[in-house]
Amino acid sequence: MSGENQKKGGPNKWLTLITMPFQMGITIFLFHLFGEWLDEKYGIVNDIANKICTLLGVGLALYQVIRQVHQINKD
């Protein structure tokens, strides 16, 4: 019975690990686009909104990865 549990959990763990870079990239890219939009809409100099939003996107992406890895290790 424990062999069945390992087979069920195995592909899901690998699938989660494989999709992590794409999730990170999409999150960071969307925050970057939002920052560009803010800069254009409000005429912010030095693209500071873009830089801040991109850094927030990186932070959120890292948080998601840490949370997912922690969840994988629990199982």
Protein backbone atom coordinates (compact mmCIF):
# COMPACT_ATOMS: atom_id res chain seq x y z
CA MET A 1 0.00 0.00 0.00
CA SER A 2 2.86 2.41 0.70
CA GLY A 3 4.14 1.80 -2.85
CA GLU A 4 0.86 3.14 -4.23
CA ASN A 5 1.20 6.31 -2.14
CA GLN A 6 4.70 6.91 -3.47
CA LYS A 7 3.51 6.50 -7.06
CA LYS A 8 0.62 8.91 -6.49
CA GLY A 9 2.81 11.58 -4.87
CA GLY A 10 5.82 11.27 -7.17
CA PRO A 11 4.63 12.88 -10.42
CA ASN A 12 2.82 15.68 -8.58
CA LYS A 13 6.02 16.69 -6.80
CA TRP A 14 7.97 16.71 -10.06
CA LEU A 15 5.20 18.61 -11.83
CA THR A 16 5.25 21.24 -9.10
CA LEU A 17 9.03 21.57 -9.32
CA ILE A 18 8.95 21.83 -13.12
CA THR A 19 6.28 24.55 -13.18
CA MET A 20 7.91 26.73 -10.50
CA PRO A 21 10.16 28.71 -12.91
CA PHE A 22 7.18 29.49 -15.14
CA GLN A 23 5.11 30.66 -12.17
CA MET A 24 7.98 32.85 -11.01
CA GLY A 25 8.49 34.31 -14.48
CA ILE A 26 4.82 35.10 -15.00
CA THR A 27 4.49 36.71 -11.57
CA ILE A 28 7.56 38.89 -12.03
CA PHE A 29 6.56 39.83 -15.59
CA LEU A 30 3.04 40.87 -14.55
CA PHE A 31 4.37 43.03 -11.72
CA HIS A 32 6.85 44.58 -14.19
CA LEU A 33 4.02 45.42 -16.61
CA PHE A 34 2.00 46.93 -13.78
CA GLY A 35 4.98 49.09 -12.81
CA GLU A 36 5.41 50.28 -16.40
CA TRP A 37 1.72 51.15 -16.56
CA LEU A 38 1.97 53.14 -13.32
CA ASP A 39 5.01 55.02 -14.61
CA GLU A 40 3.27 55.92 -17.87
CA LYS A 41 -0.07 56.83 -16.31
CA TYR A 42 1.32 59.08 -13.59
CA GLY A 43 4.50 60.26 -15.34
CA ILE A 44 6.80 59.00 -12.59
CA VAL A 45 10.44 59.88 -13.21
CA ASN A 46 13.30 57.35 -13.24
CA ASP A 47 10.83 54.44 -13.63
CA ILE A 48 10.71 54.09 -9.85
CA ALA A 49 7.25 52.46 -9.84
CA ASN A 50 8.49 49.88 -12.32
CA LYS A 51 11.52 49.09 -10.16
CA ILE A 52 9.46 48.84 -6.97
CA CYS A 53 6.76 46.69 -8.57
CA THR A 54 9.35 44.38 -10.13
CA LEU A 55 11.06 43.92 -6.76
CA LEU A 56 7.68 43.21 -5.15
CA GLY A 57 7.05 40.63 -7.87
CA VAL A 58 10.40 38.96 -7.17
CA GLY A 59 9.60 38.87 -3.44
CA LEU A 60 6.16 37.39 -4.05
CA ALA A 61 7.58 34.81 -6.48
CA LEU A 62 10.19 33.73 -3.93
CA TYR A 63 7.51 33.50 -1.25
CA GLN A 64 5.45 31.24 -3.53
CA VAL A 65 8.45 28.98 -4.20
CA ILE A 66 9.31 28.69 -0.50
CA ARG A 67 5.68 27.91 0.35
CA GLN A 68 5.45 25.24 -2.37
CA VAL A 69 8.75 23.60 -1.40
CA HIS A 70 7.65 23.55 2.23
CA GLN A 71 4.38 21.89 1.17
CA ILE A 72 6.28 19.28 -0.89
CA ASN A 73 8.49 18.47 2.09
CA LYS A 74 5.43 18.01 4.33
CA ASP A 75 4.01 15.35 2.03
